[in-house]
C-alpha atoms as a PDB file:
ATOM      1  CA  MET A   1      -0.490   0.180   0.193  1.00  0.00           C
ATOM      2  CA  ALA A   2       1.052   3.185  -0.810  1.00  0.00           C
ATOM      3  CA  SER A   3       1.697   5.436   1.995  1.00  0.00           C
ATOM      4  CA  PHE A   4       1.047   9.406   1.922  1.00  0.00           C
ATOM      5  CA  LYS A   5       2.458  12.521   3.901  1.00  0.00           C
ATOM      6  CA  LEU A   6       0.884  14.875   5.004  1.00  0.00           C
ATOM      7  CA  ARG A   7       2.029  18.611   3.666  1.00  0.00           C
ATOM      8  CA  PRO A   8       0.451  21.747   4.622  1.00  0.00           C
ATOM      9  CA  SER A   9      -0.907  23.420   1.071  1.00  0.00           C
ATOM     10  CA  PHE A  10       1.318  26.040  -0.513  1.00  0.00           C
ATOM     11  CA  SER A  11      -1.389  28.731   0.124  1.00  0.00           C
ATOM     12  CA  TRP A  12      -1.674  27.814   3.482  1.00  0.00           C
ATOM     13  CA  VAL A  13       1.971  28.404   4.390  1.00  0.00           C
ATOM     14  CA  SER A  14       2.418  31.483   2.398  1.00  0.00           C
ATOM     15  CA  SER A  15      -0.580  33.106   4.253  1.00  0.00           C
ATOM     16  CA  LEU A  16       1.072  32.294   7.519  1.00  0.00           C
ATOM     17  CA  ALA A  17       4.274  33.691   6.102  1.00  0.00           C
ATOM     18  CA  LEU A  18       2.852  36.793   4.892  1.00  0.00           C
ATOM     19  CA  SER A  19       0.808  37.230   8.337  1.00  0.00           C
ATOM     20  CA  VAL A  20       4.098  37.163  10.230  1.00  0.00           C
ATOM     21  CA  SER A  21       6.006  39.298   8.080  1.00  0.00           C
ATOM     22  CA  MET A  22       2.955  41.714   7.967  1.00  0.00           C
ATOM     23  CA  ALA A  23       3.071  42.005  11.962  1.00  0.00           C
ATOM     24  CA  GLY A  24       6.746  42.568  11.586  1.00  0.00           C
ATOM     25  CA  ALA A  25       6.524  45.158   9.471  1.00  0.00           C
ATOM     26  CA  LEU A  26       3.733  46.970  11.631  1.00  0.00           C
ATOM     27  CA  LEU A  27       5.938  47.277  14.917  1.00  0.00           C
ATOM     28  CA  THR A  28       9.062  48.100  13.426  1.00  0.00           C
ATOM     29  CA  ALA A  29       7.356  51.189  10.746  1.00  0.00           C
ATOM     30  CA  PRO A  30       7.469  53.533  13.617  1.00  0.00           C
ATOM     31  CA  ALA A  31      11.848  52.928  14.089  1.00  0.00           C
ATOM     32  CA  ALA A  32      11.901  52.671  10.178  1.00  0.00           C
ATOM     33  CA  LEU A  33      10.195  56.152  10.572  1.00  0.00           C
ATOM     34  CA  ALA A  34      12.261  57.886  12.665  1.00  0.00           C
ATOM     35  CA  GLN A  35      15.509  56.180  10.628  1.00  0.00           C
ATOM     36  CA  ALA A  36      14.014  57.659   7.516  1.00  0.00           C
ATOM     37  CA  PHE A  37      13.486  61.389   8.576  1.00  0.00           C
ATOM     38  CA  PRO A  38      14.291  63.619   6.622  1.00  0.00           C
ATOM     39  CA  ASN A  39      14.253  61.859   3.522  1.00  0.00           C
ATOM     40  CA  LYS A  40      13.947  65.332   1.488  1.00  0.00           C
ATOM     41  CA  ALA A  41      14.621  69.307   1.737  1.00  0.00           C
ATOM     42  CA  ILE A  42      13.214  71.029   4.855  1.00  0.00           C
ATOM     43  CA  ARG A  43      11.547  74.746   4.925  1.00  0.00           C
ATOM     44  CA  LEU A  44      12.487  77.357   8.023  1.00  0.00           C
ATOM     45  CA  VAL A  45       9.817  79.393   7.972  1.00  0.00           C
ATOM     46  CA  CYS A  46      11.252  83.326   8.789  1.00  0.00           C
ATOM     47  CA  PRO A  47       8.917  85.970   9.730  1.00  0.00           C
ATOM     48  CA  PHE A  48      10.402  88.557   8.676  1.00  0.00           C
ATOM     49  CA  PRO A  49      12.373  89.578   5.850  1.00  0.00           C
ATOM     50  CA  PRO A  50      15.560  89.085   4.863  1.00  0.00           C
ATOM     51  CA  GLY A  51      18.675  91.301   6.777  1.00  0.00           C
ATOM     52  CA  GLY A  52      16.623  91.341  10.060  1.00  0.00           C
ATOM     53  CA  ALA A  53      17.900  89.416  13.711  1.00  0.00           C
ATOM     54  CA  VAL A  54      15.680  86.890  12.901  1.00  0.00           C
ATOM     55  CA  ASP A  55      16.898  86.451   9.627  1.00  0.00           C
ATOM     56  CA  ILE A  56      20.254  86.087  10.559  1.00  0.00           C
ATOM     57  CA  ALA A  57      19.871  83.499  13.171  1.00  0.00           C
ATOM     58  CA  SER A  58      17.350  81.588  10.828  1.00  0.00           C
ATOM     59  CA  ARG A  59      19.541  81.502   8.279  1.00  0.00           C
ATOM     60  CA  ALA A  60      22.449  80.472  11.099  1.00  0.00           C
ATOM     61  CA  ILE A  61      20.700  77.384  12.068  1.00  0.00           C
ATOM     62  CA  ALA A  62      19.361  76.225   8.715  1.00  0.00           C
ATOM     63  CA  GLN A  63      23.403  75.695   7.688  1.00  0.00           C
ATOM     64  CA  GLU A  64      24.349  74.077  10.963  1.00  0.00           C
ATOM     65  CA  LEU A  65      20.859  72.192  10.932  1.00  0.00           C
ATOM     66  CA  SER A  66      22.052  70.891   6.894  1.00  0.00           C
ATOM     67  CA  LYS A  67      24.985  69.352   8.416  1.00  0.00           C
ATOM     68  CA  ASN A  68      23.884  67.414  11.256  1.00  0.00           C
ATOM     69  CA  LEU A  69      20.782  66.251   9.535  1.00  0.00           C
ATOM     70  CA  GLY A  70      21.842  65.347   6.145  1.00  0.00           C
ATOM     71  CA  GLN A  71      19.042  67.174   4.200  1.00  0.00           C
ATOM     72  CA  PRO A  72      18.680  71.039   2.678  1.00  0.00           C
ATOM     73  CA  VAL A  73      17.613  73.177   5.442  1.00  0.00           C
ATOM     74  CA  THR A  74      15.924  76.417   2.864  1.00  0.00           C
ATOM     75  CA  VAL A  75      14.644  79.654   4.723  1.00  0.00           C
ATOM     76  CA  ASP A  76      11.434  80.465   3.594  1.00  0.00           C
ATOM     77  CA  ASN A  77      11.114  84.621   4.298  1.00  0.00           C
ATOM     78  CA  LYS A  78       7.213  85.188   4.725  1.00  0.00           C
ATOM     79  CA  PRO A  79       7.189  88.795   6.612  1.00  0.00           C
ATOM     80  CA  GLY A  80       3.969  91.236   7.602  1.00  0.00           C
ATOM     81  CA  ALA A  81       1.582  91.553  10.868  1.00  0.00           C
ATOM     82  CA  GLY A  82       4.450  91.247  13.380  1.00  0.00           C
ATOM     83  CA  GLY A  83       5.143  87.916  12.207  1.00  0.00           C
ATOM     84  CA  ASN A  84       1.811  86.367  12.203  1.00  0.00           C
ATOM     85  CA  ILE A  85       1.664  85.599   8.453  1.00  0.00           C
ATOM     86  CA  GLY A  86       4.679  83.335   8.754  1.00  0.00           C
ATOM     87  CA  GLY A  87       3.818  81.846  11.601  1.00  0.00           C
ATOM     88  CA  ALA A  88      -0.246  81.023  10.315  1.00  0.00           C
ATOM     89  CA  ASP A  89       1.596  79.445   7.131  1.00  0.00           C
ATOM     90  CA  ALA A  90       3.486  77.081   9.120  1.00  0.00           C
ATOM     91  CA  ALA A  91       0.908  76.313  11.607  1.00  0.00           C
ATOM     92  CA  ARG A  92      -1.324  75.370   8.787  1.00  0.00           C
ATOM     93  CA  ALA A  93       1.788  73.114   6.973  1.00  0.00           C
ATOM     94  CA  ALA A  94       1.521  68.686   7.537  1.00  0.00           C
ATOM     95  CA  PRO A  95       2.994  68.209  10.916  1.00  0.00           C
ATOM     96  CA  ASP A  96       6.080  66.045   9.670  1.00  0.00           C
ATOM     97  CA  GLY A  97       9.043  67.505  10.751  1.00  0.00           C
ATOM     98  CA  TYR A  98       9.544  69.327   7.172  1.00  0.00           C
ATOM     99  CA  THR A  99       8.370  72.857   8.174  1.00  0.00           C
ATOM    100  CA  ILE A 100       9.859  74.807  10.890  1.00  0.00           C
ATOM    101  CA  PHE A 101       9.185  77.884  12.248  1.00  0.00           C
ATOM    102  CA  MET A 102      11.321  80.362  14.073  1.00  0.00           C
ATOM    103  CA  THR A 103       9.188  81.840  16.306  1.00  0.00           C
ATOM    104  CA  THR A 104      10.188  84.586  18.777  1.00  0.00           C
ATOM    105  CA  SER A 105       9.061  85.781  22.549  1.00  0.00           C
ATOM    106  CA  GLY A 106       7.071  88.612  20.688  1.00  0.00           C
ATOM    107  CA  ILE A 107       4.911  86.304  18.689  1.00  0.00           C
ATOM    108  CA  GLN A 108       4.330  83.871  21.334  1.00  0.00           C
ATOM    109  CA  ALA A 109       3.703  86.306  24.081  1.00  0.00           C
ATOM    110  CA  ILE A 110       3.055  90.052  22.969  1.00  0.00           C
ATOM    111  CA  ASN A 111       1.038  89.096  19.448  1.00  0.00           C
ATOM    112  CA  PRO A 112      -1.855  87.334  21.195  1.00  0.00           C
ATOM    113  CA  ALA A 113      -2.448  90.456  23.561  1.00  0.00           C
ATOM    114  CA  LEU A 114      -1.808  92.638  20.960  1.00  0.00           C
ATOM    115  CA  TYR A 115      -3.553  91.758  17.964  1.00  0.00           C
ATOM    116  CA  ALA A 116      -7.426  91.417  18.471  1.00  0.00           C
ATOM    117  CA  LYS A 117      -7.542  88.740  15.923  1.00  0.00           C
ATOM    118  CA  MET A 118      -5.251  86.027  15.638  1.00  0.00           C
ATOM    119  CA  PRO A 119      -4.738  84.208  12.598  1.00  0.00           C
ATOM    120  CA  PHE A 120      -3.399  81.086  14.540  1.00  0.00           C
ATOM    121  CA  ASP A 121      -3.171  80.373  18.042  1.00  0.00           C
ATOM    122  CA  PRO A 122       1.218  80.251  18.463  1.00  0.00           C
ATOM    123  CA  ASN A 123       0.855  78.485  21.866  1.00  0.00           C
ATOM    124  CA  LYS A 124      -1.608  75.745  20.715  1.00  0.00           C
ATOM    125  CA  ASP A 125      -1.018  75.037  17.262  1.00  0.00           C
ATOM    126  CA  LEU A 126       2.656  75.086  17.518  1.00  0.00           C
ATOM    127  CA  ALA A 127       5.115  72.956  19.514  1.00  0.00           C
ATOM    128  CA  PRO A 128       8.264  73.996  20.851  1.00  0.00           C
ATOM    129  CA  VAL A 129      11.440  72.065  19.370  1.00  0.00           C
ATOM    130  CA  SER A 130      14.250  74.655  21.250  1.00  0.00           C
ATOM    131  CA  ALA A 131      14.832  78.112  21.983  1.00  0.00           C
ATOM    132  CA  LEU A 132      18.310  78.847  20.536  1.00  0.00           C
ATOM    133  CA  VAL A 133      19.385  82.650  21.220  1.00  0.00           C
ATOM    134  CA  SER A 134      18.498  85.736  23.051  1.00  0.00           C
ATOM    135  CA  LEU A 135      19.667  89.443  22.679  1.00  0.00           C
ATOM    136  CA  ASN A 136      18.945  92.637  23.701  1.00  0.00           C
ATOM    137  CA  ASN A 137      17.894  95.891  21.748  1.00  0.00           C
ATOM    138  CA  VAL A 138      19.568  99.030  21.311  1.00  0.00           C
ATOM    139  CA  LEU A 139      18.098 102.575  21.115  1.00  0.00           C
ATOM    140  CA  VAL A 140      19.888 104.053  17.974  1.00  0.00           C
ATOM    141  CA  LEU A 141      19.016 107.843  16.293  1.00  0.00           C
ATOM    142  CA  HIS A 142      19.963 109.243  13.410  1.00  0.00           C
ATOM    143  CA  PRO A 143      22.681 111.532  13.492  1.00  0.00           C
ATOM    144  CA  SER A 144      20.527 114.583  12.826  1.00  0.00           C
ATOM    145  CA  VAL A 145      18.172 114.165  15.844  1.00  0.00           C
ATOM    146  CA  LYS A 146      19.746 116.698  18.166  1.00  0.00           C
ATOM    147  CA  ALA A 147      19.854 114.236  21.225  1.00  0.00           C
ATOM    148  CA  ASN A 148      23.188 112.797  22.813  1.00  0.00           C
ATOM    149  CA  SER A 149      21.403 111.158  25.627  1.00  0.00           C
ATOM    150  CA  VAL A 150      19.136 109.399  26.756  1.00  0.00           C
ATOM    151  CA  ALA A 151      17.773 112.462  28.967  1.00  0.00           C
ATOM    152  CA  GLU A 152      17.896 114.614  25.882  1.00  0.00           C
ATOM    153  CA  VAL A 153      15.542 112.205  23.757  1.00  0.00           C
ATOM    154  CA  ILE A 154      13.227 112.353  26.880  1.00  0.00           C
ATOM    155  CA  ALA A 155      13.366 116.375  27.052  1.00  0.00           C
ATOM    156  CA  LEU A 156      13.305 116.243  23.124  1.00  0.00           C
ATOM    157  CA  ALA A 157       9.960 114.459  22.956  1.00  0.00           C
ATOM    158  CA  LYS A 158       8.655 116.588  25.401  1.00  0.00           C
ATOM    159  CA  ALA A 159       9.383 119.778  23.257  1.00  0.00           C
ATOM    160  CA  GLN A 160       8.434 118.885  19.584  1.00  0.00           C
ATOM    161  CA  PRO A 161       6.639 115.679  17.965  1.00  0.00           C
ATOM    162  CA  VAL A 162       9.043 112.696  17.782  1.00  0.00           C
ATOM    163  CA  ASN A 163       8.428 109.134  15.625  1.00  0.00           C
ATOM    164  CA  TYR A 164      10.659 106.080  16.268  1.00  0.00           C
ATOM    165  CA  ALA A 165      10.236 103.187  13.934  1.00  0.00           C
ATOM    166  CA  SER A 166       9.786  99.079  14.319  1.00  0.00           C
ATOM    167  CA  SER A 167      10.156  95.746  12.431  1.00  0.00           C
ATOM    168  CA  GLY A 168       6.360  95.629  12.906  1.00  0.00           C
ATOM    169  CA  SER A 169       3.640  95.841  15.595  1.00  0.00           C
ATOM    170  CA  GLY A 170       4.148  93.392  18.410  1.00  0.00           C
ATOM    171  CA  THR A 171       7.289  92.718  18.344  1.00  0.00           C
ATOM    172  CA  SER A 172      10.169  93.434  20.589  1.00  0.00           C
ATOM    173  CA  ILE A 173      11.588  96.782  18.933  1.00  0.00           C
ATOM    174  CA  HIS A 174       7.771  98.128  18.793  1.00  0.00           C
ATOM    175  CA  MET A 175       6.956  97.167  22.445  1.00  0.00           C
ATOM    176  CA  SER A 176      10.697  98.510  23.596  1.00  0.00           C
ATOM    177  CA  GLY A 177       9.472 101.514  22.230  1.00  0.00           C
ATOM    178  CA  GLU A 178       6.394 100.893  23.874  1.00  0.00           C
ATOM    179  CA  MET A 179       7.603 100.372  27.414  1.00  0.00           C
ATOM    180  CA  PHE A 180      10.058 104.225  27.196  1.00  0.00           C
ATOM    181  CA  ARG A 181       7.044 105.747  26.329  1.00  0.00           C
ATOM    182  CA  SER A 182       5.857 104.578  29.206  1.00  0.00           C
ATOM    183  CA  LEU A 183       7.672 104.380  31.580  1.00  0.00           C
ATOM    184  CA  THR A 184       8.906 108.323  30.868  1.00  0.00           C
ATOM    185  CA  ASN A 185       5.771 109.556  29.910  1.00  0.00           C
ATOM    186  CA  ILE A 186       6.464 110.994  26.531  1.00  0.00           C
ATOM    187  CA  ASN A 187       4.673 110.763  23.475  1.00  0.00           C
ATOM    188  CA  MET A 188       6.106 109.262  20.501  1.00  0.00           C
ATOM    189  CA  THR A 189       4.769 108.009  17.094  1.00  0.00           C
ATOM    190  CA  HIS A 190       4.877 104.458  16.284  1.00  0.00           C
ATOM    191  CA  ILE A 191       6.393 103.393  12.680  1.00  0.00           C
ATOM    192  CA  PRO A 192       5.629  99.978  11.548  1.00  0.00           C
ATOM    193  CA  TYR A 193       7.887  97.964   9.089  1.00  0.00           C
ATOM    194  CA  LYS A 194       7.813  95.018   7.960  1.00  0.00           C
ATOM    195  CA  GLY A 195      11.084  93.866   9.313  1.00  0.00           C
ATOM    196  CA  SER A 196      13.825  95.777  10.909  1.00  0.00           C
ATOM    197  CA  ALA A 197      15.348  95.741   7.547  1.00  0.00           C
ATOM    198  CA  PRO A 198      13.161  98.014   5.815  1.00  0.00           C
ATOM    199  CA  ALA A 199      13.089  99.917   8.854  1.00  0.00           C
ATOM    200  CA  LEU A 200      16.990 100.743   9.471  1.00  0.00           C
ATOM    201  CA  ASN A 201      16.986 101.402   5.147  1.00  0.00           C
ATOM    202  CA  ASP A 202      14.561 104.649   6.480  1.00  0.00           C
ATOM    203  CA  LEU A 203      16.125 105.704  10.141  1.00  0.00           C
ATOM    204  CA  LEU A 204      19.436 105.301   7.844  1.00  0.00           C
ATOM    205  CA  GLY A 205      17.821 107.696   5.436  1.00  0.00           C
ATOM    206  CA  GLY A 206      16.446 109.898   8.135  1.00  0.00           C
ATOM    207  CA  GLN A 207      13.154 109.306   6.857  1.00  0.00           C
ATOM    208  CA  VAL A 208      12.698 107.683  10.914  1.00  0.00           C
ATOM    209  CA  MET A 209      13.831 109.225  14.551  1.00  0.00           C
ATOM    210  CA  MET A 210      14.822 106.296  15.954  1.00  0.00           C
ATOM    211  CA  MET A 211      14.229 102.621  16.829  1.00  0.00           C
ATOM    212  CA  PHE A 212      14.833 100.096  19.464  1.00  0.00           C
ATOM    213  CA  ASP A 213      16.566  97.714  17.028  1.00  0.00           C
ATOM    214  CA  ASN A 214      17.868  94.056  17.845  1.00  0.00           C
ATOM    215  CA  ILE A 215      21.633  94.645  18.588  1.00  0.00           C
ATOM    216  CA  PRO A 216      22.708  92.014  15.491  1.00  0.00           C
ATOM    217  CA  SER A 217      21.373  94.595  12.444  1.00  0.00           C
ATOM    218  CA  ALA A 218      22.114  97.588  14.575  1.00  0.00           C
ATOM    219  CA  ILE A 219      25.587  97.004  15.260  1.00  0.00           C
ATOM    220  CA  PRO A 220      27.444  97.135  11.981  1.00  0.00           C
ATOM    221  CA  HIS A 221      25.721 100.693  10.999  1.00  0.00           C
ATOM    222  CA  ILE A 222      26.713 101.722  15.010  1.00  0.00           C
ATOM    223  CA  LYS A 223      30.614 100.744  14.639  1.00  0.00           C
ATOM    224  CA  SER A 224      30.306 103.085  11.344  1.00  0.00           C
ATOM    225  CA  GLY A 225      28.842 106.285  12.470  1.00  0.00           C
ATOM    226  CA  LYS A 226      25.734 106.117  10.739  1.00  0.00           C
ATOM    227  CA  LEU A 227      23.462 105.239  13.413  1.00  0.00           C
ATOM    228  CA  ARG A 228      24.588 107.051  17.094  1.00  0.00           C
ATOM    229  CA  ALA A 229      23.981 104.450  20.132  1.00  0.00           C
ATOM    230  CA  LEU A 230      22.352 105.814  23.468  1.00  0.00           C
ATOM    231  CA  ALA A 231      21.418 102.377  25.543  1.00  0.00           C
ATOM    232  CA  THR A 232      21.039  99.237  25.335  1.00  0.00           C
ATOM    233  CA  THR A 233      17.705  97.155  26.978  1.00  0.00           C
ATOM    234  CA  GLY A 234      18.506  94.396  28.802  1.00  0.00           C
ATOM    235  CA  ALA A 235      19.044  94.016  32.688  1.00  0.00           C
ATOM    236  CA  LYS A 236      22.780  94.111  32.416  1.00  0.00           C
ATOM    237  CA  ARG A 237      25.203  95.936  29.712  1.00  0.00           C
ATOM    238  CA  ASP A 238      25.698  94.262  26.822  1.00  0.00           C
ATOM    239  CA  PRO A 239      28.703  92.315  26.339  1.00  0.00           C
ATOM    240  CA  LEU A 240      29.255  93.748  22.629  1.00  0.00           C
ATOM    241  CA  LEU A 241      28.470  97.490  24.041  1.00  0.00           C
ATOM    242  CA  PRO A 242      30.199  97.798  27.442  1.00  0.00           C
ATOM    243  CA  ASP A 243      30.108 101.122  26.903  1.00  0.00           C
ATOM    244  CA  LEU A 244      26.824 101.979  26.406  1.00  0.00           C
ATOM    245  CA  PRO A 245      24.519 102.061  29.853  1.00  0.00           C
ATOM    246  CA  THR A 246      21.332 100.158  29.991  1.00  0.00           C
ATOM    247  CA  LEU A 247      18.130 102.749  29.966  1.00  0.00           C
ATOM    248  CA  ALA A 248      17.342 101.699  33.299  1.00  0.00           C
ATOM    249  CA  GLU A 249      21.177 103.375  34.537  1.00  0.00           C
ATOM    250  CA  ALA A 250      20.269 106.301  31.912  1.00  0.00           C
ATOM    251  CA  GLY A 251      18.031 106.683  34.023  1.00  0.00           C
ATOM    252  CA  VAL A 252      14.546 105.075  32.351  1.00  0.00           C
ATOM    253  CA  ALA A 253      13.852 103.498  36.256  1.00  0.00           C
ATOM    254  CA  GLY A 254      12.043  99.664  36.131  1.00  0.00           C
ATOM    255  CA  TYR A 255      13.237  99.553  32.219  1.00  0.00           C
ATOM    256  CA  GLU A 256      14.090  95.754  30.773  1.00  0.00           C
ATOM    257  CA  SER A 257      13.337  94.557  27.462  1.00  0.00           C
ATOM    258  CA  GLY A 258      14.815  91.566  25.455  1.00  0.00           C
ATOM    259  CA  VAL A 259      13.680  89.166  23.252  1.00  0.00           C
ATOM    260  CA  TRP A 260      14.682  85.439  22.168  1.00  0.00           C
ATOM    261  CA  PHE A 261      14.333  83.207  19.217  1.00  0.00           C
ATOM    262  CA  GLY A 262      13.933  79.657  18.885  1.00  0.00           C
ATOM    263  CA  LEU A 263      12.365  76.758  16.813  1.00  0.00           C
ATOM    264  CA  SER A 264       8.565  75.565  16.491  1.00  0.00           C
ATOM    265  CA  VAL A 265       6.796  72.894  14.384  1.00  0.00           C
ATOM    266  CA  PRO A 266       3.101  72.477  13.442  1.00  0.00           C
ATOM    267  CA  ALA A 267       1.024  71.146  17.086  1.00  0.00           C
ATOM    268  CA  ASN A 268       1.015  67.265  16.590  1.00  0.00           C
ATOM    269  CA  THR A 269       4.462  66.637  14.861  1.00  0.00           C
ATOM    270  CA  PRO A 270       5.443  63.018  16.222  1.00  0.00           C
ATOM    271  CA  ARG A 271       7.504  63.101  19.605  1.00  0.00           C
ATOM    272  CA  ASP A 272      10.606  60.999  18.118  1.00  0.00           C
ATOM    273  CA  VAL A 273      10.751  63.764  15.012  1.00  0.00           C
ATOM    274  CA  VAL A 274      10.847  67.353  17.506  1.00  0.00           C
ATOM    275  CA  MET A 275      13.201  65.146  19.626  1.00  0.00           C
ATOM    276  CA  ARG A 276      15.162  64.452  16.422  1.00  0.00           C
ATOM    277  CA  LEU A 277      15.210  68.263  15.541  1.00  0.00           C
ATOM    278  CA  ASN A 278      15.946  69.259  19.120  1.00  0.00           C
ATOM    279  CA  ALA A 279      19.049  67.099  18.984  1.00  0.00           C
ATOM    280  CA  GLU A 280      20.391  68.681  16.026  1.00  0.00           C
ATOM    281  CA  ALA A 281      19.641  72.197  16.974  1.00  0.00           C
ATOM    282  CA  ILE A 282      21.224  71.934  20.361  1.00  0.00           C
ATOM    283  CA  LYS A 283      24.297  70.469  18.753  1.00  0.00           C
ATOM    284  CA  GLY A 284      23.958  73.027  15.509  1.00  0.00           C
ATOM    285  CA  THR A 285      24.320  75.645  18.747  1.00  0.00           C
ATOM    286  CA  LYS A 286      27.684  73.944  19.846  1.00  0.00           C
ATOM    287  CA  SER A 287      29.552  74.660  16.656  1.00  0.00           C
ATOM    288  CA  PRO A 288      32.541  76.806  16.751  1.00  0.00           C
ATOM    289  CA  GLU A 289      31.357  78.185  13.405  1.00  0.00           C
ATOM    290  CA  PHE A 290      27.850  79.093  14.313  1.00  0.00           C
ATOM    291  CA  VAL A 291      29.198  80.400  18.200  1.00  0.00           C
ATOM    292  CA  LYS A 292      31.550  82.431  16.346  1.00  0.00           C
ATOM    293  CA  ARG A 293      29.280  83.861  13.804  1.00  0.00           C
ATOM    294  CA  MET A 294      26.257  84.608  16.469  1.00  0.00           C
ATOM    295  CA  THR A 295      28.787  86.131  19.866  1.00  0.00           C
ATOM    296  CA  GLU A 296      30.066  88.547  17.298  1.00  0.00           C
ATOM    297  CA  LEU A 297      27.057  89.976  16.365  1.00  0.00           C
ATOM    298  CA  GLY A 298      25.538  90.573  20.010  1.00  0.00           C
ATOM    299  CA  TYR A 299      23.243  87.309  20.081  1.00  0.00           C
ATOM    300  CA  ILE A 300      23.353  85.572  23.326  1.00  0.00           C
ATOM    301  CA  ILE A 301      23.454  81.177  22.879  1.00  0.00           C
ATOM    302  CA  MET A 302      20.875  79.096  24.813  1.00  0.00           C
ATOM    303  CA  GLY A 303      19.769  76.065  23.025  1.00  0.00           C
ATOM    304  CA  THR A 304      16.934  74.205  25.398  1.00  0.00           C
ATOM    305  CA  SER A 305      15.005  71.314  25.527  1.00  0.00           C
ATOM    306  CA  PRO A 306      11.338  71.621  23.989  1.00  0.00           C
ATOM    307  CA  GLU A 307       9.865  71.560  27.622  1.00  0.00           C
ATOM    308  CA  THR A 308      11.851  74.695  28.891  1.00  0.00           C
ATOM    309  CA  MET A 309      11.270  76.533  25.592  1.00  0.00           C
ATOM    310  CA  ALA A 310       7.424  75.643  26.756  1.00  0.00           C
ATOM    311  CA  GLU A 311       7.663  77.303  30.003  1.00  0.00           C
ATOM    312  CA  MET A 312      10.176  80.443  28.767  1.00  0.00           C
ATOM    313  CA  SER A 313       6.598  81.158  26.181  1.00  0.00           C
ATOM    314  CA  ARG A 314       4.386  80.649  29.591  1.00  0.00           C
ATOM    315  CA  ALA A 315       6.770  83.066  31.666  1.00  0.00           C
ATOM    316  CA  GLU A 316       6.706  85.627  28.364  1.00  0.00           C
ATOM    317  CA  VAL A 317       2.708  85.638  28.334  1.00  0.00           C
ATOM    318  CA  GLN A 318       2.679  86.139  32.225  1.00  0.00           C
ATOM    319  CA  ARG A 319       4.850  89.286  31.388  1.00  0.00           C
ATOM    320  CA  TRP A 320       4.027  91.041  28.568  1.00  0.00           C
ATOM    321  CA  GLY A 321       0.281  90.894  28.942  1.00  0.00           C
ATOM    322  CA  PRO A 322      -0.082  93.436  31.304  1.00  0.00           C
ATOM    323  CA  ILE A 323       2.259  95.157  29.757  1.00  0.00           C
ATOM    324  CA  VAL A 324       0.665  95.460  26.274  1.00  0.00           C
ATOM    325  CA  LYS A 325      -3.256  96.048  28.114  1.00  0.00           C
ATOM    326  CA  ALA A 326      -0.891  99.358  30.267  1.00  0.00           C
ATOM    327  CA  SER A 327       0.520 100.925  27.434  1.00  0.00           C
ATOM    328  CA  GLY A 328      -3.193 100.536  25.462  1.00  0.00           C
ATOM    329  CA  ALA A 329      -1.133  99.396  22.034  1.00  0.00           C
ATOM    330  CA  LYS A 330      -3.442  97.665  19.589  1.00  0.00           C
ATOM    331  CA  ALA A 331      -2.821  96.352  15.834  1.00  0.00           C
ATOM    332  CA  ASP A 332      -5.296  95.224  13.244  1.00  0.00           C
END
């Protein structure tokens, strides 16, 4: 009698193997995705025009991220509305790590108090990655303005109309001016621009009288003598301009104003992607090239965790909300 051996059918074995393979693929998919990021170019949205302090920092960190991530990181300038246009653009992007936003403490904390209608919520629609750098502002005047000290600026403002330029409503430059106006009880006309660079151009041309500009964009014009610097806005003298007094030292008691810039991504970006970007951004802030370039321009290097950046944003909201309200400043 012939003997027969029971053999599993080919289709049953194939089906079992396929099921095991699919299960394994599902288990390893998150790890594979994490390893795959990034596999294409990344866009870094800068909410101010080229040439200003935010743009300078954006391009410096983009260069470092490109090296560290192995993919191009390109800066996309989207200026307007004190950073709100660029912020809304980034917030609407896919939460996949391929759109990064260079936010500022002003966008996070001042804009929500200043604008009656925000096109996005910077503290809900964006997720923090890392606070990168901070800096002080500096009070600079066109040389034709007849004031050689903070006291003389105050006296001039009490005797005649004066104006000051800013990089846009809600920016640290704007609110530095509003704080000065409020604490000295003088009248100054605010003239907003779409970024520090165009505001500086008009200041250099004498179309406006003064500005509380970010130090990095103002320093070349201070050194060339094209602008007169009177005081810085921080709690301590700035290491890049140590001969200048702070505004508090110059007689404006209680004055302190600065700004920080940091990277954020659309809310719901996967945690592993956020942490990869965080690690590479922090690595970038420690590179000799980044450190040299930033410190020479007056930036103070930070490089924080997402949690620390979130805490900083909350503290800024608590600090600036009452100041904006007390100033009466509004923007539409």
